[in-house]
Amino acid sequence: MKSNLNSKLTEGASGLVFYSLTPPKITTDPERVIVIANNQMERLQHMPVDGLILYDIQDESTRTEKERTFSFIHTIAPEVYAQQYLGALKVPKIIYKSIANQTQEQFTSWLKENEAIDYAVFVGASSQQQIEATRFSLNDAYAARQQNCERLMLGGVTIPERHSKKGDEHLRIFHKMDKGCRFFVSQCVYNLNDTKNVLSDYYYHATEHGKAMAPIIFTLAPCGSLKTLQFMEWLGIEVPKWLYNDLKHSKDILESSVTTATKIAAEIISYAADKNIPIGFNIESISIKKEEIDAAHVLLQNVIQLVKPVAAPVVVEQVLAQEPEEVAAV
């Protein structure tokens, strides 16, 4: 399954659609993990997606002094979950790998032990404190990949909200491209203005300096409760005040969030198309509640119809929540 997605990413194709999952918590009963994985594979095999993202969840308590909305519990390593539980799913898998708490030696060992991985996104430490403790940075991770696993198709993270504060997110993207990144996945976006600002600077910098643009995959997610909304804000997702108010006072916050995310996707598509900026979308459910997972599938169907109108319709099935009253630690 590598060649098709690999060529699309290499050629800077637009219109890619990913779906993302957080592996079950390490405290989940092994038999239950198998049930969860089988349910996910059954749903995903009907979805015309270009790739499946598997997150590497880390404790980010050093990133902010704000109290975490939900307690942190480690999850099964994404590469382990992909290989041992989702192996039968014939969809390209993009493995997130956090460098937090990794030393040079540990990370190099990880690369060598996971040579079968085709796609990965390296995620930087959440604080300078972590980098100083390990003496290992994201740039070091890029260099290690270049030296030990050059064939690995590498993606990077981009955070549009960061652009409003520092104004250099587009330069971070080009810096990561110089380090080997061939595509980018954003943090969940709800602030359309920040997103357009990044795309604008990205486009004009590329035009002025004769640089190629790599695909940027924008993450979208439904929100089914105020608690989920608060957790999104804890994660650093910028929700404009007007939108926060609209969702808070909505009769159906979940339906409103899906409608809003679909409109955001349409706006991004329109803006990028005028400038031939390669973009795509990644759909996730921050919550593992059944209704929010179902809503993510509806959002996925909406987005697929926007970017791939001739694609077969997505089968939105009823799904079992992993742990109905909890929210995934993403």
C-alpha atoms as a PDB file:
ATOM      1  CA  MET A   1       0.000   0.000   0.000  1.00  0.00           C
ATOM      2  CA  LYS A   2       3.016   2.245   0.189  1.00  0.00           C
ATOM      3  CA  SER A   3       3.545   3.176  -3.460  1.00  0.00           C
ATOM      4  CA  ASN A   4       0.249   4.972  -4.116  1.00  0.00           C
ATOM      5  CA  LEU A   5       0.327   7.232  -1.038  1.00  0.00           C
ATOM      6  CA  ASN A   6       4.085   7.612  -1.354  1.00  0.00           C
ATOM      7  CA  SER A   7       3.776   8.941  -4.892  1.00  0.00           C
ATOM      8  CA  LYS A   8       0.934  11.287  -3.964  1.00  0.00           C
ATOM      9  CA  LEU A   9       2.958  12.780  -1.119  1.00  0.00           C
ATOM     10  CA  THR A  10       6.116  13.009  -3.213  1.00  0.00           C
ATOM     11  CA  GLU A  11       4.256  14.732  -6.033  1.00  0.00           C
ATOM     12  CA  GLY A  12       2.588  17.177  -3.642  1.00  0.00           C
ATOM     13  CA  ALA A  13      -0.926  15.986  -4.399  1.00  0.00           C
ATOM     14  CA  SER A  14      -3.954  17.788  -3.025  1.00  0.00           C
ATOM     15  CA  GLY A  15      -7.150  16.217  -1.711  1.00  0.00           C
ATOM     16  CA  LEU A  16      -5.665  13.532   0.535  1.00  0.00           C
ATOM     17  CA  VAL A  17      -7.924  12.374   3.372  1.00  0.00           C
ATOM     18  CA  PHE A  18      -6.672  10.628   6.502  1.00  0.00           C
ATOM     19  CA  TYR A  19      -8.471   9.243   9.510  1.00  0.00           C
ATOM     20  CA  SER A  20      -6.748   9.064  12.885  1.00  0.00           C
ATOM     21  CA  LEU A  21      -6.972   6.879  15.960  1.00  0.00           C
ATOM     22  CA  THR A  22      -5.526   6.849  19.439  1.00  0.00           C
ATOM     23  CA  PRO A  23      -4.520   3.305  20.461  1.00  0.00           C
ATOM     24  CA  PRO A  24      -6.284   1.883  23.529  1.00  0.00           C
ATOM     25  CA  LYS A  25      -4.883   2.593  26.972  1.00  0.00           C
ATOM     26  CA  ILE A  26      -2.252   0.175  28.248  1.00  0.00           C
ATOM     27  CA  THR A  27      -4.622  -0.681  31.099  1.00  0.00           C
ATOM     28  CA  THR A  28      -7.174  -2.117  28.648  1.00  0.00           C
ATOM     29  CA  ASP A  29      -7.734  -5.862  28.948  1.00  0.00           C
ATOM     30  CA  PRO A  30      -5.889  -7.672  26.087  1.00  0.00           C
ATOM     31  CA  GLU A  31      -9.077  -9.402  24.897  1.00  0.00           C
ATOM     32  CA  ARG A  32     -10.857  -6.060  24.860  1.00  0.00           C
ATOM     33  CA  VAL A  33      -8.045  -4.565  22.748  1.00  0.00           C
ATOM     34  CA  ILE A  34      -8.656  -7.262  20.142  1.00  0.00           C
ATOM     35  CA  VAL A  35     -12.388  -6.454  20.086  1.00  0.00           C
ATOM     36  CA  ILE A  36     -11.666  -2.728  19.721  1.00  0.00           C
ATOM     37  CA  ALA A  37      -9.192  -3.317  16.896  1.00  0.00           C
ATOM     38  CA  ASN A  38     -11.576  -5.629  15.031  1.00  0.00           C
ATOM     39  CA  ASN A  39     -14.387  -3.078  15.304  1.00  0.00           C
ATOM     40  CA  GLN A  40     -12.102  -0.339  14.002  1.00  0.00           C
ATOM     41  CA  MET A  41     -10.903  -2.434  11.070  1.00  0.00           C
ATOM     42  CA  GLU A  42     -14.462  -3.348  10.148  1.00  0.00           C
ATOM     43  CA  ARG A  43     -15.420   0.328   9.997  1.00  0.00           C
ATOM     44  CA  LEU A  44     -12.271   1.555   8.292  1.00  0.00           C
ATOM     45  CA  GLN A  45     -12.319  -0.971   5.469  1.00  0.00           C
ATOM     46  CA  HIS A  46     -15.407   0.808   4.111  1.00  0.00           C
ATOM     47  CA  MET A  47     -13.808   4.250   4.202  1.00  0.00           C
ATOM     48  CA  PRO A  48     -12.071   5.571   1.052  1.00  0.00           C
ATOM     49  CA  VAL A  49      -9.224   7.132   3.023  1.00  0.00           C
ATOM     50  CA  ASP A  50      -5.648   7.554   1.840  1.00  0.00           C
ATOM     51  CA  GLY A  51      -4.073   6.721   5.185  1.00  0.00           C
ATOM     52  CA  LEU A  52      -4.611   5.971   8.859  1.00  0.00           C
ATOM     53  CA  ILE A  53      -2.795   8.032  11.477  1.00  0.00           C
ATOM     54  CA  LEU A  54      -1.972   6.406  14.810  1.00  0.00           C
ATOM     55  CA  TYR A  55      -1.103   8.843  17.580  1.00  0.00           C
ATOM     56  CA  ASP A  56       1.681   8.551  20.130  1.00  0.00           C
ATOM     57  CA  ILE A  57       0.222  10.063  23.292  1.00  0.00           C
ATOM     58  CA  GLN A  58       2.525  11.632  25.856  1.00  0.00           C
ATOM     59  CA  ASP A  59       2.068  13.464  29.136  1.00  0.00           C
ATOM     60  CA  GLU A  60       2.238  17.209  28.410  1.00  0.00           C
ATOM     61  CA  SER A  61       2.030  18.479  31.983  1.00  0.00           C
ATOM     62  CA  THR A  62       5.238  20.484  31.532  1.00  0.00           C
ATOM     63  CA  ARG A  63       3.761  22.367  28.561  1.00  0.00           C
ATOM     64  CA  THR A  64       1.234  24.325  30.594  1.00  0.00           C
ATOM     65  CA  GLU A  65       0.384  25.135  34.182  1.00  0.00           C
ATOM     66  CA  LYS A  66      -3.331  24.643  33.509  1.00  0.00           C
ATOM     67  CA  GLU A  67      -4.913  21.597  35.085  1.00  0.00           C
ATOM     68  CA  ARG A  68      -5.490  18.757  32.654  1.00  0.00           C
ATOM     69  CA  THR A  69      -9.185  18.214  31.945  1.00  0.00           C
ATOM     70  CA  PHE A  70      -8.770  14.439  31.906  1.00  0.00           C
ATOM     71  CA  SER A  71      -6.125  12.359  33.667  1.00  0.00           C
ATOM     72  CA  PHE A  72      -3.270  11.032  31.551  1.00  0.00           C
ATOM     73  CA  ILE A  73      -2.906   7.298  30.998  1.00  0.00           C
ATOM     74  CA  HIS A  74      -0.329   5.802  28.649  1.00  0.00           C
ATOM     75  CA  THR A  75      -1.610   4.086  25.527  1.00  0.00           C
ATOM     76  CA  ILE A  76      -0.306   1.144  23.533  1.00  0.00           C
ATOM     77  CA  ALA A  77       2.582   2.274  21.324  1.00  0.00           C
ATOM     78  CA  PRO A  78       1.170   3.158  17.886  1.00  0.00           C
ATOM     79  CA  GLU A  79       3.673   0.994  16.000  1.00  0.00           C
ATOM     80  CA  VAL A  80       2.765  -1.980  18.197  1.00  0.00           C
ATOM     81  CA  TYR A  81      -0.958  -1.391  17.756  1.00  0.00           C
ATOM     82  CA  ALA A  82      -0.555  -1.052  13.983  1.00  0.00           C
ATOM     83  CA  GLN A  83       1.504  -4.222  13.590  1.00  0.00           C
ATOM     84  CA  GLN A  84      -0.057  -6.536  16.153  1.00  0.00           C
ATOM     85  CA  TYR A  85      -3.714  -5.501  16.027  1.00  0.00           C
ATOM     86  CA  LEU A  86      -4.385  -3.658  12.749  1.00  0.00           C
ATOM     87  CA  GLY A  87      -2.121  -5.661  10.470  1.00  0.00           C
ATOM     88  CA  ALA A  88      -5.023  -7.040   8.440  1.00  0.00           C
ATOM     89  CA  LEU A  89      -6.204  -3.547   7.518  1.00  0.00           C
ATOM     90  CA  LYS A  90      -4.826  -2.749   4.074  1.00  0.00           C
ATOM     91  CA  VAL A  91      -4.572   0.992   4.547  1.00  0.00           C
ATOM     92  CA  PRO A  92      -1.244   2.885   4.717  1.00  0.00           C
ATOM     93  CA  LYS A  93      -0.463   3.648   8.348  1.00  0.00           C
ATOM     94  CA  ILE A  94       1.264   6.834   9.505  1.00  0.00           C
ATOM     95  CA  ILE A  95       2.940   6.319  12.860  1.00  0.00           C
ATOM     96  CA  TYR A  96       3.370   9.267  15.201  1.00  0.00           C
ATOM     97  CA  LYS A  97       6.542   9.112  17.278  1.00  0.00           C
ATOM     98  CA  SER A  98       7.129  11.516  20.138  1.00  0.00           C
ATOM     99  CA  ILE A  99      10.742  12.308  20.960  1.00  0.00           C
ATOM    100  CA  ALA A 100       9.790  13.405  24.485  1.00  0.00           C
ATOM    101  CA  ASN A 101      11.930  11.612  27.055  1.00  0.00           C
ATOM    102  CA  GLN A 102      13.956   9.944  24.286  1.00  0.00           C
ATOM    103  CA  THR A 103      17.738   9.962  24.215  1.00  0.00           C
ATOM    104  CA  GLN A 104      19.794   9.718  21.031  1.00  0.00           C
ATOM    105  CA  GLU A 105      20.502   6.053  21.737  1.00  0.00           C
ATOM    106  CA  GLN A 106      16.871   5.190  22.496  1.00  0.00           C
ATOM    107  CA  PHE A 107      15.550   6.904  19.407  1.00  0.00           C
ATOM    108  CA  THR A 108      18.163   5.340  17.123  1.00  0.00           C
ATOM    109  CA  SER A 109      17.262   1.922  18.527  1.00  0.00           C
ATOM    110  CA  TRP A 110      13.597   2.630  17.855  1.00  0.00           C
ATOM    111  CA  LEU A 111      14.351   3.467  14.222  1.00  0.00           C
ATOM    112  CA  LYS A 112      16.325   0.263  13.723  1.00  0.00           C
ATOM    113  CA  GLU A 113      13.681  -1.863  15.436  1.00  0.00           C
ATOM    114  CA  ASN A 114      10.918  -0.398  13.272  1.00  0.00           C
ATOM    115  CA  GLU A 115      12.416  -0.488   9.806  1.00  0.00           C
ATOM    116  CA  ALA A 116       9.143  -1.914   8.455  1.00  0.00           C
ATOM    117  CA  ILE A 117       7.332   1.380   9.091  1.00  0.00           C
ATOM    118  CA  ASP A 118       6.688   3.237   5.830  1.00  0.00           C
ATOM    119  CA  TYR A 119       5.378   6.576   7.152  1.00  0.00           C
ATOM    120  CA  ALA A 120       6.053   8.474  10.362  1.00  0.00           C
ATOM    121  CA  VAL A 121       5.508  11.885  11.912  1.00  0.00           C
ATOM    122  CA  PHE A 122       8.034  12.912  14.559  1.00  0.00           C
ATOM    123  CA  VAL A 123       6.589  15.027  17.346  1.00  0.00           C
ATOM    124  CA  GLY A 124       8.819  17.375  19.321  1.00  0.00           C
ATOM    125  CA  ALA A 125       9.026  17.568  23.099  1.00  0.00           C
ATOM    126  CA  SER A 126       6.309  19.652  24.720  1.00  0.00           C
ATOM    127  CA  SER A 127       8.780  21.805  26.676  1.00  0.00           C
ATOM    128  CA  GLN A 128      12.376  22.958  26.668  1.00  0.00           C
ATOM    129  CA  GLN A 129      12.708  21.238  30.018  1.00  0.00           C
ATOM    130  CA  GLN A 130      12.304  17.832  28.364  1.00  0.00           C
ATOM    131  CA  ILE A 131      14.894  18.623  25.690  1.00  0.00           C
ATOM    132  CA  GLU A 132      17.415  19.728  28.291  1.00  0.00           C
ATOM    133  CA  ALA A 133      16.839  16.553  30.305  1.00  0.00           C
ATOM    134  CA  THR A 134      17.511  14.230  27.354  1.00  0.00           C
ATOM    135  CA  ARG A 135      19.814  16.465  25.279  1.00  0.00           C
ATOM    136  CA  PHE A 136      17.824  15.292  22.271  1.00  0.00           C
ATOM    137  CA  SER A 137      15.762  17.583  20.039  1.00  0.00           C
ATOM    138  CA  LEU A 138      13.502  17.259  17.030  1.00  0.00           C
ATOM    139  CA  ASN A 139      16.375  18.288  14.760  1.00  0.00           C
ATOM    140  CA  ASP A 140      18.421  15.462  16.273  1.00  0.00           C
ATOM    141  CA  ALA A 141      15.581  13.064  15.445  1.00  0.00           C
ATOM    142  CA  TYR A 142      15.548  14.247  11.841  1.00  0.00           C
ATOM    143  CA  ALA A 143      19.305  13.696  11.611  1.00  0.00           C
ATOM    144  CA  ALA A 144      18.994  10.212  13.120  1.00  0.00           C
ATOM    145  CA  ARG A 145      16.375   9.277  10.552  1.00  0.00           C
ATOM    146  CA  GLN A 146      18.623  10.562   7.740  1.00  0.00           C
ATOM    147  CA  GLN A 147      21.495   8.433   9.001  1.00  0.00           C
ATOM    148  CA  ASN A 148      19.632   5.261   9.897  1.00  0.00           C
ATOM    149  CA  CYS A 149      16.371   5.056   7.946  1.00  0.00           C
ATOM    150  CA  GLU A 150      16.402   7.403   4.966  1.00  0.00           C
ATOM    151  CA  ARG A 151      13.699   5.400   3.161  1.00  0.00           C
ATOM    152  CA  LEU A 152      11.147   6.335   5.831  1.00  0.00           C
ATOM    153  CA  MET A 153       8.605   8.800   4.414  1.00  0.00           C
ATOM    154  CA  LEU A 154       8.620  11.571   6.992  1.00  0.00           C
ATOM    155  CA  GLY A 155       5.918  14.020   7.963  1.00  0.00           C
ATOM    156  CA  GLY A 156       5.944  16.967  10.344  1.00  0.00           C
ATOM    157  CA  VAL A 157       3.534  18.695  12.690  1.00  0.00           C
ATOM    158  CA  THR A 158       2.285  22.218  12.066  1.00  0.00           C
ATOM    159  CA  ILE A 159       0.301  24.376  14.504  1.00  0.00           C
ATOM    160  CA  PRO A 160      -1.585  27.259  12.822  1.00  0.00           C
ATOM    161  CA  GLU A 161      -2.373  28.892  16.191  1.00  0.00           C
ATOM    162  CA  ARG A 162       1.343  29.314  16.810  1.00  0.00           C
ATOM    163  CA  HIS A 163       1.518  31.576  13.761  1.00  0.00           C
ATOM    164  CA  SER A 164      -0.624  34.259  15.403  1.00  0.00           C
ATOM    165  CA  LYS A 165       1.907  34.533  18.241  1.00  0.00           C
ATOM    166  CA  LYS A 166       5.227  34.157  16.441  1.00  0.00           C
ATOM    167  CA  GLY A 167       4.433  34.691  12.773  1.00  0.00           C
ATOM    168  CA  ASP A 168       6.929  32.084  11.631  1.00  0.00           C
ATOM    169  CA  GLU A 169       4.956  28.865  11.259  1.00  0.00           C
ATOM    170  CA  HIS A 170       5.486  28.863   7.492  1.00  0.00           C
ATOM    171  CA  LEU A 171       9.239  29.140   8.046  1.00  0.00           C
ATOM    172  CA  ARG A 172       9.094  26.207  10.468  1.00  0.00           C
ATOM    173  CA  ILE A 173       7.430  24.184   7.709  1.00  0.00           C
ATOM    174  CA  PHE A 174      10.169  24.974   5.195  1.00  0.00           C
ATOM    175  CA  HIS A 175      12.846  24.261   7.808  1.00  0.00           C
ATOM    176  CA  LYS A 176      11.317  20.833   8.416  1.00  0.00           C
ATOM    177  CA  MET A 177      11.146  20.234   4.668  1.00  0.00           C
ATOM    178  CA  ASP A 178      14.893  20.885   4.534  1.00  0.00           C
ATOM    179  CA  LYS A 179      15.239  18.206   7.233  1.00  0.00           C
ATOM    180  CA  GLY A 180      13.333  15.641   5.173  1.00  0.00           C
ATOM    181  CA  CYS A 181       9.619  16.204   5.855  1.00  0.00           C
ATOM    182  CA  ARG A 182       7.448  15.617   2.800  1.00  0.00           C
ATOM    183  CA  PHE A 183       4.010  16.336   4.286  1.00  0.00           C
ATOM    184  CA  PHE A 184       2.535  18.042   7.336  1.00  0.00           C
ATOM    185  CA  VAL A 185      -0.360  17.309   9.668  1.00  0.00           C
ATOM    186  CA  SER A 186      -1.840  20.169  11.643  1.00  0.00           C
ATOM    187  CA  GLN A 187      -3.164  20.253  15.138  1.00  0.00           C
ATOM    188  CA  CYS A 188      -6.974  20.316  15.123  1.00  0.00           C
ATOM    189  CA  VAL A 189      -8.126  23.615  13.601  1.00  0.00           C
ATOM    190  CA  TYR A 190     -11.147  25.651  14.587  1.00  0.00           C
ATOM    191  CA  ASN A 191      -9.665  29.090  13.947  1.00  0.00           C
ATOM    192  CA  LEU A 192     -10.034  29.672  10.218  1.00  0.00           C
ATOM    193  CA  ASN A 193      -8.277  33.044  10.313  1.00  0.00           C
ATOM    194  CA  ASP A 194      -5.057  31.560  11.737  1.00  0.00           C
ATOM    195  CA  THR A 195      -5.227  28.769   9.177  1.00  0.00           C
ATOM    196  CA  LYS A 196      -5.554  31.147   6.232  1.00  0.00           C
ATOM    197  CA  ASN A 197      -2.734  33.312   7.578  1.00  0.00           C
ATOM    198  CA  VAL A 198      -0.377  30.324   7.602  1.00  0.00           C
ATOM    199  CA  LEU A 199      -1.421  29.263   4.119  1.00  0.00           C
ATOM    200  CA  SER A 200      -0.966  32.800   2.812  1.00  0.00           C
ATOM    201  CA  ASP A 201       2.565  33.182   4.174  1.00  0.00           C
ATOM    202  CA  TYR A 202       3.373  29.614   3.098  1.00  0.00           C
ATOM    203  CA  TYR A 203       2.269  30.316  -0.468  1.00  0.00           C
ATOM    204  CA  TYR A 204       3.919  33.710  -0.900  1.00  0.00           C
ATOM    205  CA  HIS A 205       7.192  32.588   0.671  1.00  0.00           C
ATOM    206  CA  ALA A 206       7.277  29.604  -1.696  1.00  0.00           C
ATOM    207  CA  THR A 207       6.473  31.843  -4.678  1.00  0.00           C
ATOM    208  CA  GLU A 208       9.050  34.484  -3.813  1.00  0.00           C
ATOM    209  CA  HIS A 209      11.827  31.965  -3.173  1.00  0.00           C
ATOM    210  CA  GLY A 210      11.012  29.417  -5.871  1.00  0.00           C
ATOM    211  CA  LYS A 211      10.256  26.648  -3.387  1.00  0.00           C
ATOM    212  CA  ALA A 212       7.949  23.675  -3.813  1.00  0.00           C
ATOM    213  CA  MET A 213       5.105  23.255  -1.343  1.00  0.00           C
ATOM    214  CA  ALA A 214       4.494  20.020   0.541  1.00  0.00           C
ATOM    215  CA  PRO A 215       0.908  18.907   1.287  1.00  0.00           C
ATOM    216  CA  ILE A 216      -0.557  20.235   4.529  1.00  0.00           C
ATOM    217  CA  ILE A 217      -3.167  17.949   6.069  1.00  0.00           C
ATOM    218  CA  PHE A 218      -5.548  19.898   8.295  1.00  0.00           C
ATOM    219  CA  THR A 219      -7.040  18.034  11.239  1.00  0.00           C
ATOM    220  CA  LEU A 220     -10.739  18.433  11.968  1.00  0.00           C
ATOM    221  CA  ALA A 221     -12.710  16.983  14.872  1.00  0.00           C
ATOM    222  CA  PRO A 222     -16.263  17.127  16.214  1.00  0.00           C
ATOM    223  CA  CYS A 223     -16.970  18.316  19.736  1.00  0.00           C
ATOM    224  CA  GLY A 224     -19.850  16.805  21.668  1.00  0.00           C
ATOM    225  CA  SER A 225     -19.704  18.466  25.068  1.00  0.00           C
ATOM    226  CA  LEU A 226     -18.330  21.438  26.959  1.00  0.00           C
ATOM    227  CA  LYS A 227     -15.909  19.103  28.705  1.00  0.00           C
ATOM    228  CA  THR A 228     -14.498  17.983  25.368  1.00  0.00           C
ATOM    229  CA  LEU A 229     -14.329  21.632  24.293  1.00  0.00           C
ATOM    230  CA  GLN A 230     -12.387  22.500  27.454  1.00  0.00           C
ATOM    231  CA  PHE A 231     -10.010  19.633  26.810  1.00  0.00           C
ATOM    232  CA  MET A 232      -9.436  20.853  23.266  1.00  0.00           C
ATOM    233  CA  GLU A 233      -8.463  24.243  24.669  1.00  0.00           C
ATOM    234  CA  TRP A 234      -6.108  22.561  27.164  1.00  0.00           C
ATOM    235  CA  LEU A 235      -4.431  20.893  24.203  1.00  0.00           C
ATOM    236  CA  GLY A 236      -3.780  24.342  22.743  1.00  0.00           C
ATOM    237  CA  ILE A 237      -6.528  24.287  20.108  1.00  0.00           C
ATOM    238  CA  GLU A 238      -7.693  27.851  19.527  1.00  0.00           C
ATOM    239  CA  VAL A 239     -11.468  28.125  19.553  1.00  0.00           C
ATOM    240  CA  PRO A 240     -12.598  31.688  18.701  1.00  0.00           C
ATOM    241  CA  LYS A 241     -14.852  33.286  21.311  1.00  0.00           C
ATOM    242  CA  TRP A 242     -17.804  33.596  18.926  1.00  0.00           C
ATOM    243  CA  LEU A 243     -17.566  29.901  18.070  1.00  0.00           C
ATOM    244  CA  TYR A 244     -17.168  28.895  21.709  1.00  0.00           C
ATOM    245  CA  ASN A 245     -20.355  30.834  22.513  1.00  0.00           C
ATOM    246  CA  ASP A 246     -22.242  29.319  19.584  1.00  0.00           C
ATOM    247  CA  LEU A 247     -21.266  25.780  20.563  1.00  0.00           C
ATOM    248  CA  LYS A 248     -21.924  26.374  24.252  1.00  0.00           C
ATOM    249  CA  HIS A 249     -25.448  27.637  23.620  1.00  0.00           C
ATOM    250  CA  SER A 250     -26.283  25.267  20.782  1.00  0.00           C
ATOM    251  CA  LYS A 251     -29.221  22.903  21.173  1.00  0.00           C
ATOM    252  CA  ASP A 252     -27.002  20.161  19.724  1.00  0.00           C
ATOM    253  CA  ILE A 253     -23.326  20.956  20.218  1.00  0.00           C
ATOM    254  CA  LEU A 254     -22.221  17.827  18.341  1.00  0.00           C
ATOM    255  CA  GLU A 255     -24.249  18.573  15.225  1.00  0.00           C
ATOM    256  CA  SER A 256     -23.169  22.224  15.323  1.00  0.00           C
ATOM    257  CA  SER A 257     -19.500  21.280  15.570  1.00  0.00           C
ATOM    258  CA  VAL A 258     -19.765  18.915  12.594  1.00  0.00           C
ATOM    259  CA  THR A 259     -21.464  21.654  10.543  1.00  0.00           C
ATOM    260  CA  THR A 260     -18.789  24.150  11.578  1.00  0.00           C
ATOM    261  CA  ALA A 261     -15.908  21.781  10.784  1.00  0.00           C
ATOM    262  CA  THR A 262     -17.409  21.011   7.380  1.00  0.00           C
ATOM    263  CA  LYS A 263     -17.663  24.729   6.600  1.00  0.00           C
ATOM    264  CA  ILE A 264     -14.047  25.206   7.706  1.00  0.00           C
ATOM    265  CA  ALA A 265     -12.983  22.440   5.328  1.00  0.00           C
ATOM    266  CA  ALA A 266     -14.873  24.077   2.462  1.00  0.00           C
ATOM    267  CA  GLU A 267     -13.263  27.463   3.192  1.00  0.00           C
ATOM    268  CA  ILE A 268      -9.778  25.939   3.302  1.00  0.00           C
ATOM    269  CA  ILE A 269     -10.380  24.089   0.034  1.00  0.00           C
ATOM    270  CA  SER A 270     -11.572  27.253  -1.685  1.00  0.00           C
ATOM    271  CA  TYR A 271      -8.680  29.378  -0.434  1.00  0.00           C
ATOM    272  CA  ALA A 272      -6.035  26.775  -1.272  1.00  0.00           C
ATOM    273  CA  ALA A 273      -7.480  26.017  -4.714  1.00  0.00           C
ATOM    274  CA  ASP A 274      -7.104  29.631  -5.833  1.00  0.00           C
ATOM    275  CA  LYS A 275      -3.358  29.387  -5.166  1.00  0.00           C
ATOM    276  CA  ASN A 276      -2.786  25.706  -5.986  1.00  0.00           C
ATOM    277  CA  ILE A 277      -1.645  24.990  -2.435  1.00  0.00           C
ATOM    278  CA  PRO A 278      -1.647  21.216  -1.811  1.00  0.00           C
ATOM    279  CA  ILE A 279      -3.908  20.519   1.160  1.00  0.00           C
ATOM    280  CA  GLY A 280      -5.866  17.630   2.610  1.00  0.00           C
ATOM    281  CA  PHE A 281      -7.693  16.662   5.779  1.00  0.00           C
ATOM    282  CA  ASN A 282      -7.327  14.368   8.744  1.00  0.00           C
ATOM    283  CA  ILE A 283     -10.478  13.503  10.687  1.00  0.00           C
ATOM    284  CA  GLU A 284     -10.254  12.510  14.340  1.00  0.00           C
ATOM    285  CA  SER A 285     -12.499  12.043  17.331  1.00  0.00           C
ATOM    286  CA  ILE A 286     -10.960  13.574  20.424  1.00  0.00           C
ATOM    287  CA  SER A 287     -13.552  11.767  22.499  1.00  0.00           C
ATOM    288  CA  ILE A 288     -14.000   7.999  22.556  1.00  0.00           C
ATOM    289  CA  LYS A 289     -17.689   8.332  23.289  1.00  0.00           C
ATOM    290  CA  LYS A 290     -19.821   6.462  20.780  1.00  0.00           C
ATOM    291  CA  GLU A 291     -21.780   9.491  19.594  1.00  0.00           C
ATOM    292  CA  GLU A 292     -18.632  11.535  18.972  1.00  0.00           C
ATOM    293  CA  ILE A 293     -16.975   8.721  17.040  1.00  0.00           C
ATOM    294  CA  ASP A 294     -20.130   8.442  14.916  1.00  0.00           C
ATOM    295  CA  ALA A 295     -19.998  12.214  14.388  1.00  0.00           C
ATOM    296  CA  ALA A 296     -16.376  11.945  13.251  1.00  0.00           C
ATOM    297  CA  HIS A 297     -17.489   9.441  10.621  1.00  0.00           C
ATOM    298  CA  VAL A 298     -20.199  11.830   9.439  1.00  0.00           C
ATOM    299  CA  LEU A 299     -17.595  14.597   9.237  1.00  0.00           C
ATOM    300  CA  LEU A 300     -15.309  12.250   7.313  1.00  0.00           C
ATOM    301  CA  GLN A 301     -18.089  11.558   4.824  1.00  0.00           C
ATOM    302  CA  ASN A 302     -18.740  15.287   4.434  1.00  0.00           C
ATOM    303  CA  VAL A 303     -15.082  16.040   3.789  1.00  0.00           C
ATOM    304  CA  ILE A 304     -14.673  13.173   1.336  1.00  0.00           C
ATOM    305  CA  GLN A 305     -17.605  14.527  -0.649  1.00  0.00           C
ATOM    306  CA  LEU A 306     -15.912  17.948  -0.709  1.00  0.00           C
ATOM    307  CA  VAL A 307     -12.518  16.745  -1.937  1.00  0.00           C
ATOM    308  CA  LYS A 308     -13.511  13.537  -3.737  1.00  0.00           C
ATOM    309  CA  PRO A 309     -17.105  14.066  -4.917  1.00  0.00           C
ATOM    310  CA  VAL A 310     -17.065  10.967  -7.135  1.00  0.00           C
ATOM    311  CA  ALA A 311     -15.848   8.690  -4.333  1.00  0.00           C
ATOM    312  CA  ALA A 312     -18.105   5.937  -3.060  1.00  0.00           C
ATOM    313  CA  PRO A 313     -20.217   7.000  -0.079  1.00  0.00           C
ATOM    314  CA  VAL A 314     -18.847   6.190   3.333  1.00  0.00           C
ATOM    315  CA  VAL A 315     -20.772   3.617   5.326  1.00  0.00           C
ATOM    316  CA  VAL A 316     -21.398   5.207   8.703  1.00  0.00           C
ATOM    317  CA  GLU A 317     -21.949   2.319  11.080  1.00  0.00           C
ATOM    318  CA  GLN A 318     -23.022   2.248  14.690  1.00  0.00           C
ATOM    319  CA  VAL A 319     -19.940   1.713  16.809  1.00  0.00           C
ATOM    320  CA  LEU A 320     -19.103   0.656  20.312  1.00  0.00           C
ATOM    321  CA  ALA A 321     -17.280   3.190  22.459  1.00  0.00           C
ATOM    322  CA  GLN A 322     -14.127   1.889  24.089  1.00  0.00           C
ATOM    323  CA  GLU A 323     -14.922   3.439  27.452  1.00  0.00           C
ATOM    324  CA  PRO A 324     -18.214   5.374  27.139  1.00  0.00           C
ATOM    325  CA  GLU A 325     -17.651   8.045  29.793  1.00  0.00           C
ATOM    326  CA  GLU A 326     -14.037   8.942  29.059  1.00  0.00           C
ATOM    327  CA  VAL A 327     -12.247  11.089  26.557  1.00  0.00           C
ATOM    328  CA  ALA A 328      -9.158   9.933  24.689  1.00  0.00           C
ATOM    329  CA  ALA A 329      -5.890  11.370  25.951  1.00  0.00           C
ATOM    330  CA  VAL A 330      -4.851  13.166  22.794  1.00  0.00           C
END
